[in-house]
Protein backbone atom coordinates (compact mmCIF):
# COMPACT_ATOMS: atom_id res chain seq x y z
CA UNK A 1 72.75 90.85 96.31
CA UNK A 2 74.81 90.54 99.91
CA UNK A 3 78.61 89.07 100.44
CA UNK A 4 77.86 86.30 102.75
CA UNK A 5 80.14 84.26 104.21
CA UNK A 6 80.77 81.53 101.49
CA UNK A 7 81.20 84.84 99.17
CA UNK A 8 83.86 85.98 101.32
CA UNK A 9 85.76 82.64 101.92
CA UNK A 10 86.06 82.38 97.54
CA UNK A 11 86.71 85.95 97.31
CA UNK A 12 89.76 84.91 100.03
CA UNK A 13 90.74 81.99 97.99
CA UNK A 14 91.01 83.87 94.11
CA UNK A 15 93.25 86.14 96.45
CA UNK A 16 95.65 84.26 97.98
CA UNK A 17 96.14 82.18 94.58
CA UNK A 18 96.39 84.99 92.53
CA UNK A 19 98.83 86.35 94.81
CA UNK A 20 100.76 83.29 94.75
CA UNK A 21 101.08 82.61 91.31
CA UNK A 22 99.45 85.96 89.11
CA UNK A 23 97.41 84.10 86.69
CA UNK A 24 93.76 84.47 86.28
CA UNK A 25 92.28 82.12 88.64
CA UNK A 26 88.99 79.90 87.34
CA UNK A 27 86.54 77.13 89.54
CA UNK A 28 88.54 74.26 89.32
CA UNK A 29 91.63 75.82 91.21
CA UNK A 30 88.91 77.22 93.93
CA UNK A 31 87.64 73.93 94.13
CA UNK A 32 90.66 72.54 95.30
CA UNK A 33 90.52 74.09 98.34
CA UNK A 34 90.25 71.53 101.24
CA UNK A 35 88.60 74.01 103.41
CA UNK A 36 85.65 74.89 100.91
CA UNK A 37 84.41 71.94 99.75
CA UNK A 38 82.01 73.20 97.22
CA UNK A 39 81.60 72.04 93.42
CA UNK A 40 83.13 73.97 90.80
CA UNK A 41 79.35 74.51 89.42
CA UNK A 42 79.19 76.17 92.80
CA UNK A 43 81.45 78.32 93.00
CA UNK A 44 81.96 79.44 89.02
CA UNK A 45 77.91 81.24 90.12
CA UNK A 46 79.42 82.65 93.42
CA UNK A 47 82.27 84.07 91.39
CA UNK A 48 79.35 85.72 88.36
CA UNK A 49 78.16 87.39 91.68
CA UNK A 50 81.03 88.26 92.68
CA UNK A 51 81.74 89.45 89.25
CA UNK A 52 78.57 91.80 89.54
CA UNK A 53 79.09 93.33 92.69
CA UNK A 54 82.75 94.57 91.72
CA UNK A 55 85.51 92.77 93.85
CA UNK A 56 86.56 90.88 90.60
CA UNK A 57 86.75 91.02 87.34
CA UNK A 58 87.00 88.58 83.95
CA UNK A 59 90.01 89.82 81.58
CA UNK A 60 89.90 87.76 79.00
CA UNK A 61 86.15 86.21 77.40
CA UNK A 62 87.35 82.44 78.53
CA UNK A 63 90.04 83.39 81.06
CA UNK A 64 89.45 83.27 85.02
CA UNK A 65 88.93 86.17 87.22
CA UNK A 66 91.48 88.20 88.99
CA UNK A 67 90.72 91.09 92.21
CA UNK A 68 89.62 93.92 91.00
CA UNK A 69 90.82 96.99 93.53
CA UNK A 70 87.16 97.01 94.83
CA UNK A 71 88.37 92.94 96.17
CA UNK A 72 91.96 94.04 97.39
CA UNK A 73 90.35 97.13 99.20
CA UNK A 74 87.92 94.08 101.46
CA UNK A 75 90.68 92.07 101.84
CA UNK A 76 93.01 94.75 102.90
CA UNK A 77 90.54 96.06 105.49
CA UNK A 78 88.36 92.96 106.87
CA UNK A 79 90.15 89.62 106.14
CA UNK A 80 93.65 90.97 106.79
CA UNK A 81 95.47 89.14 110.08
CA UNK A 82 98.33 91.03 111.60
CA UNK A 83 101.59 88.46 111.38
CA UNK A 84 103.58 88.56 113.55
CA UNK A 85 107.07 88.82 111.12
CA UNK A 86 110.76 87.65 112.21
CA UNK A 87 113.21 90.25 112.31
CA UNK A 88 115.08 89.12 115.24
CA UNK A 89 118.56 89.77 113.12
CA UNK A 90 117.07 93.65 111.90
CA UNK A 91 118.58 95.58 114.73
CA UNK A 92 122.06 94.21 114.71
CA UNK A 93 121.37 94.58 110.41
CA UNK A 94 120.89 98.12 110.45
CA UNK A 95 123.17 99.62 113.50
CA UNK A 96 126.31 97.97 112.00
CA UNK A 97 126.51 99.89 109.85
CA UNK A 98 124.10 103.05 111.46
CA UNK A 99 126.59 105.33 112.83
CA UNK A 100 124.22 108.87 112.24
CA UNK A 101 120.54 108.85 111.60
CA UNK A 102 120.78 108.54 107.91
CA UNK A 103 122.97 105.41 107.65
CA UNK A 104 120.01 103.97 109.64
CA UNK A 105 117.47 104.91 107.06
CA UNK A 106 119.53 103.50 104.44
CA UNK A 107 119.68 99.85 106.23
CA UNK A 108 115.90 99.80 106.72
CA UNK A 109 115.38 101.05 102.27
CA UNK A 110 117.53 98.09 101.88
CA UNK A 111 116.07 95.71 104.98
CA UNK A 112 112.87 96.45 103.41
CA UNK A 113 113.47 95.86 99.71
CA UNK A 114 115.42 92.80 100.70
CA UNK A 115 112.98 91.07 102.84
CA UNK A 116 110.09 92.19 100.61
CA UNK A 117 110.70 91.65 97.34
CA UNK A 118 109.52 94.89 96.74
CA UNK A 119 110.65 98.50 95.49
CA UNK A 120 110.90 100.37 98.87
CA UNK A 121 111.86 104.26 100.02
CA UNK A 122 112.79 106.28 103.12
CA UNK A 123 111.78 109.82 103.76
CA UNK A 124 114.16 111.87 106.51
CA UNK A 125 112.87 113.20 108.85
CA UNK A 126 110.50 116.09 109.23
CA UNK A 127 109.64 119.09 111.93
CA UNK A 128 106.29 119.64 112.55
CA UNK A 129 107.04 122.36 114.88
CA UNK A 130 110.64 124.83 114.95
CA UNK A 131 111.52 126.26 117.97
CA UNK A 132 114.28 129.36 118.37
CA UNK A 133 117.87 127.91 120.31
CA UNK A 134 119.84 130.51 119.49
CA UNK A 135 120.27 133.55 117.30
CA UNK A 136 123.49 136.01 117.05
CA UNK A 137 124.14 138.79 114.94
CA UNK A 138 127.28 140.20 114.04
CA UNK A 139 128.27 143.54 111.93
CA UNK A 140 129.79 142.30 108.41
CA UNK A 141 130.33 146.23 107.32
CA UNK A 142 128.82 149.47 107.75
CA UNK A 143 125.80 148.52 105.84
CA UNK A 144 125.58 144.75 106.36
CA UNK A 145 124.31 142.32 109.61
CA UNK A 146 124.36 138.72 109.92
CA UNK A 147 121.67 137.05 110.85
CA UNK A 148 122.29 133.19 112.04
CA UNK A 149 119.50 131.47 113.84
CA UNK A 150 120.17 127.82 114.76
CA UNK A 151 116.75 125.94 115.60
CA UNK A 152 116.02 123.24 118.32
CA UNK A 153 116.72 120.60 115.81
CA UNK A 154 120.56 121.99 115.19
CA UNK A 155 119.27 123.49 111.84
CA UNK A 156 121.26 126.80 111.53
CA UNK A 157 120.40 129.48 108.69
CA UNK A 158 122.28 132.90 107.69
CA UNK A 159 120.49 135.53 106.21
CA UNK A 160 122.67 138.65 105.87
CA UNK A 161 120.46 142.05 105.90
CA UNK A 162 120.65 145.57 104.73
CA UNK A 163 120.96 148.24 107.40
CA UNK A 164 120.01 151.89 106.79
CA UNK A 165 123.31 152.87 108.80
CA UNK A 166 125.80 151.42 110.72
CA UNK A 167 125.01 150.04 114.53
CA UNK A 168 127.15 149.85 117.22
CA UNK A 169 128.65 147.18 118.57
CA UNK A 170 127.53 147.92 121.89
CA UNK A 171 123.65 147.31 120.49
CA UNK A 172 124.60 144.79 118.73
CA UNK A 173 125.57 143.01 121.80
CA UNK A 174 122.54 144.36 123.25
CA UNK A 175 120.25 143.07 120.69
CA UNK A 176 121.74 139.64 120.46
CA UNK A 177 120.98 139.16 124.79
CA UNK A 178 117.48 140.71 124.12
CA UNK A 179 117.07 138.94 121.42
CA UNK A 180 118.22 135.30 123.35
CA UNK A 181 116.50 135.88 126.09
CA UNK A 182 112.75 136.74 124.72
CA UNK A 183 112.39 134.18 121.86
CA UNK A 184 114.70 131.06 123.14
CA UNK A 185 112.64 128.37 123.13
CA UNK A 186 109.61 129.91 121.48
CA UNK A 187 108.23 128.81 117.49
CA UNK A 188 106.30 131.15 115.22
CA UNK A 189 102.98 131.20 116.78
CA UNK A 190 104.51 132.26 120.31
CA UNK A 191 106.41 135.13 118.64
CA UNK A 192 103.66 137.57 118.86
CA UNK A 193 102.94 141.25 118.79
CA UNK A 194 103.45 141.76 122.54
CA UNK A 195 106.99 140.66 122.20
CA UNK A 196 107.62 142.38 119.22
CA UNK A 197 106.71 145.43 120.96
CA UNK A 198 108.21 144.92 123.91
CA UNK A 199 111.67 144.40 121.81
CA UNK A 200 111.28 147.55 120.15
CA UNK A 201 111.02 149.44 122.77
CA UNK A 202 113.89 147.70 124.62
CA UNK A 203 115.98 148.83 120.94
CA UNK A 204 114.90 152.40 120.88
CA UNK A 205 116.43 153.85 117.48
CA UNK A 206 116.45 150.41 115.94
CA UNK A 207 113.15 149.56 115.65
CA UNK A 208 114.09 149.38 111.72
CA UNK A 209 116.69 146.57 112.12
CA UNK A 210 114.41 144.84 114.68
CA UNK A 211 111.94 144.29 112.19
CA UNK A 212 114.20 142.80 109.42
CA UNK A 213 115.86 140.66 111.75
CA UNK A 214 112.40 138.92 112.73
CA UNK A 215 111.41 139.46 109.09
CA UNK A 216 114.51 136.55 108.73
CA UNK A 217 113.56 134.37 112.16
CA UNK A 218 109.82 134.30 111.28
CA UNK A 219 110.90 133.47 107.62
CA UNK A 220 113.28 130.95 109.08
CA UNK A 221 110.98 129.41 111.50
CA UNK A 222 108.24 128.53 108.00
CA UNK A 223 110.61 127.51 105.55
CA UNK A 224 110.42 123.84 104.66
CA UNK A 225 113.35 122.48 102.79
CA UNK A 226 112.49 118.89 101.27
CA UNK A 227 113.65 115.78 102.69
CA UNK A 228 115.95 113.32 101.38
CA UNK A 229 114.68 110.08 100.62
CA UNK A 230 116.33 106.70 100.00
CA UNK A 231 114.88 104.44 98.08
CA UNK A 232 116.19 100.36 97.11
CA UNK A 233 115.19 97.72 95.27
CA UNK A 234 113.53 99.73 92.48
CA UNK A 235 113.98 96.70 89.73
CA UNK A 236 112.25 94.57 91.78
CA UNK A 237 109.62 95.66 90.39
CA UNK A 238 110.31 93.95 86.72
CA UNK A 239 109.82 90.70 89.22
CA UNK A 240 106.18 90.98 88.60
CA UNK A 241 104.80 90.06 84.81
CA UNK A 242 101.94 92.81 84.85
CA UNK A 243 104.40 95.87 85.58
CA UNK A 244 107.16 94.28 83.55
CA UNK A 245 105.56 95.76 80.37
CA UNK A 246 108.81 98.43 78.83
CA UNK A 247 106.67 101.78 79.52
CA UNK A 248 104.93 101.01 82.16
CA UNK A 249 108.16 99.47 83.86
CA UNK A 250 110.06 102.90 82.74
CA UNK A 251 107.28 105.24 84.01
CA UNK A 252 107.61 103.11 87.30
CA UNK A 253 111.47 102.84 88.09
CA UNK A 254 111.43 106.71 87.05
CA UNK A 255 109.03 108.37 89.15
CA UNK A 256 111.62 106.66 92.02
CA UNK A 257 114.42 108.26 90.53
CA UNK A 258 112.54 111.96 90.20
CA UNK A 259 112.20 111.89 94.27
CA UNK A 260 110.34 115.07 94.25
CA UNK A 261 107.86 113.00 93.01
CA UNK A 262 107.15 111.62 96.38
CA UNK A 263 108.06 114.44 98.90
CA UNK A 264 104.39 115.32 99.40
CA UNK A 265 103.53 111.69 100.17
CA UNK A 266 106.09 110.69 102.09
CA UNK A 267 105.96 114.59 103.75
CA UNK A 268 104.93 114.74 107.51
CA UNK A 269 101.45 113.26 108.56
CA UNK A 270 98.29 115.28 108.05
CA UNK A 271 97.18 115.03 111.75
CA UNK A 272 98.72 114.49 115.18
CA UNK A 273 100.36 110.77 115.26
CA UNK A 274 98.93 108.59 118.37
CA UNK A 275 102.32 107.84 120.64
CA UNK A 276 100.95 104.26 120.09
CA UNK A 277 100.79 103.77 116.82
CA UNK A 278 102.64 104.21 113.30
CA UNK A 279 99.17 105.18 111.04
CA UNK A 280 100.18 102.23 108.02
CA UNK A 281 98.10 102.98 105.48
CA UNK A 282 97.49 100.85 102.69
CA UNK A 283 96.94 102.24 98.82
CA UNK A 284 95.24 100.12 96.04
CA UNK A 285 95.76 101.21 92.70
CA UNK A 286 93.64 104.21 91.70
CA UNK A 287 93.56 104.71 95.52
CA UNK A 288 97.86 105.81 94.74
CA UNK A 289 98.84 109.60 94.50
CA UNK A 290 101.36 109.33 91.67
CA UNK A 291 100.47 109.10 88.52
CA UNK A 292 102.86 106.36 87.60
CA UNK A 293 101.83 103.98 90.28
CA UNK A 294 98.42 103.32 89.06
CA UNK A 295 98.93 99.77 88.78
CA UNK A 296 100.66 99.47 91.57
CA UNK A 297 99.96 99.04 95.81
CA UNK A 298 101.70 101.17 98.15
CA UNK A 299 102.00 100.31 102.03
CA UNK A 300 103.16 103.71 104.31
CA UNK A 301 103.88 103.69 107.89
CA UNK A 302 105.28 106.96 109.90
CA UNK A 303 107.72 106.36 111.92
CA UNK A 304 108.38 109.32 115.05
CA UNK A 305 112.20 109.84 116.44
CA UNK A 306 110.49 112.27 118.86
CA UNK A 307 107.82 114.38 119.74
CA UNK A 308 106.90 116.13 116.75
CA UNK A 309 109.87 114.80 114.78
CA UNK A 310 108.05 112.03 112.13
CA UNK A 311 108.95 110.37 108.62
CA UNK A 312 107.40 107.84 106.36
CA UNK A 313 108.34 104.14 104.93
CA UNK A 314 107.04 103.43 101.82
CA UNK A 315 106.61 100.24 100.15
CA UNK A 316 105.57 99.78 96.29
CA UNK A 317 104.49 96.64 94.58
CA UNK A 318 101.95 94.97 92.56
CA UNK A 319 98.43 95.08 93.82
CA UNK A 320 99.01 91.33 94.36
CA UNK A 321 101.27 92.14 96.53
CA UNK A 322 101.20 90.04 99.82
CA UNK A 323 99.95 92.46 102.03
CA UNK A 324 99.71 90.10 105.54
CA UNK A 325 104.01 89.61 105.03
CA UNK A 326 104.18 93.62 104.48
CA UNK A 327 102.55 94.85 106.71
CA UNK A 328 103.62 92.42 109.36
CA UNK A 329 107.21 93.31 108.81
CA UNK A 330 106.25 96.36 108.72
CA UNK A 331 104.56 96.40 112.16
CA UNK A 332 108.28 94.20 113.70
CA UNK A 333 110.23 96.72 111.99
CA UNK A 334 108.95 100.19 113.35
CA UNK A 335 108.87 98.40 116.65
CA UNK A 336 112.50 98.21 116.93
CA UNK A 337 112.85 101.62 115.35
CA UNK A 338 111.07 103.02 118.34
CA UNK A 339 113.86 101.41 120.30
CA UNK A 340 116.59 102.72 118.47
CA UNK A 341 115.64 106.05 117.93
CA UNK A 342 114.96 106.35 121.76
CA UNK A 343 118.73 105.43 122.35
CA UNK A 344 120.18 107.68 120.36
């Protein structure tokens, strides 16, 4: 069975009507669309074909039809036309309270919840690569050294290491100099065996100390802390009858409170992001990674602060979400954020 132009128009009419009303859509309702000019009987036949093809469902025997996940997916992939959403006051709203990055991200979450009427979440950025910016080793007592490592994103890590014998102050000064001149600006991959051997040769009898220090540096470069996630508008979910069932709503809102649920999803992109795209993705129903979101749709976008520094924005709503508005708003928002981050 072929999905011809007429079936596509009827499917589009069903989806748009269901997005507006939240109620199953019948052939009589569709026949009122002036651009279709089809009889109720013809529409009923086409709707039967669409149901057989899996694009719409009949929730009750005598009821109209609602879109299936497959129908929503077709709508998103082939019928969605980008809309320019007016976000003229967005920049002023954000920057009014945004002295720091976390302020900006909180404002973004609030703005999206208010303007889409859905629930939103924004992850703080993660760093795809980390480079050594500065290393400082200090003697605490004869058996311990304090290693302070500063990365190029200004993350500071402190680690105490135990030594078998006291390291003289002169050697600590030398070690600091060698480590900083050799490792400055390098990431984990670039700290290879040749460099390690070179450092050990320069430090002579302190090879064991070098091993301990380099072990700390290596662990610091690969450690990945879960970023903060800012949420807003979780109670917007209750506005949609299909999600307001007591147990269902509790699961969804509970997922927002348990932010760990979204860390793997709103983390780094799986691949290097092109500079001219924000990697907008739409997840419908069972495509969602979070079990409690199987009755929802989620639209995500990736923002970039600078090369290698990424975060994600997610908007959650019912499967009858107004995808046009959400994608349009995200596109406009991401353009505004690009300008804001370039100036910071």
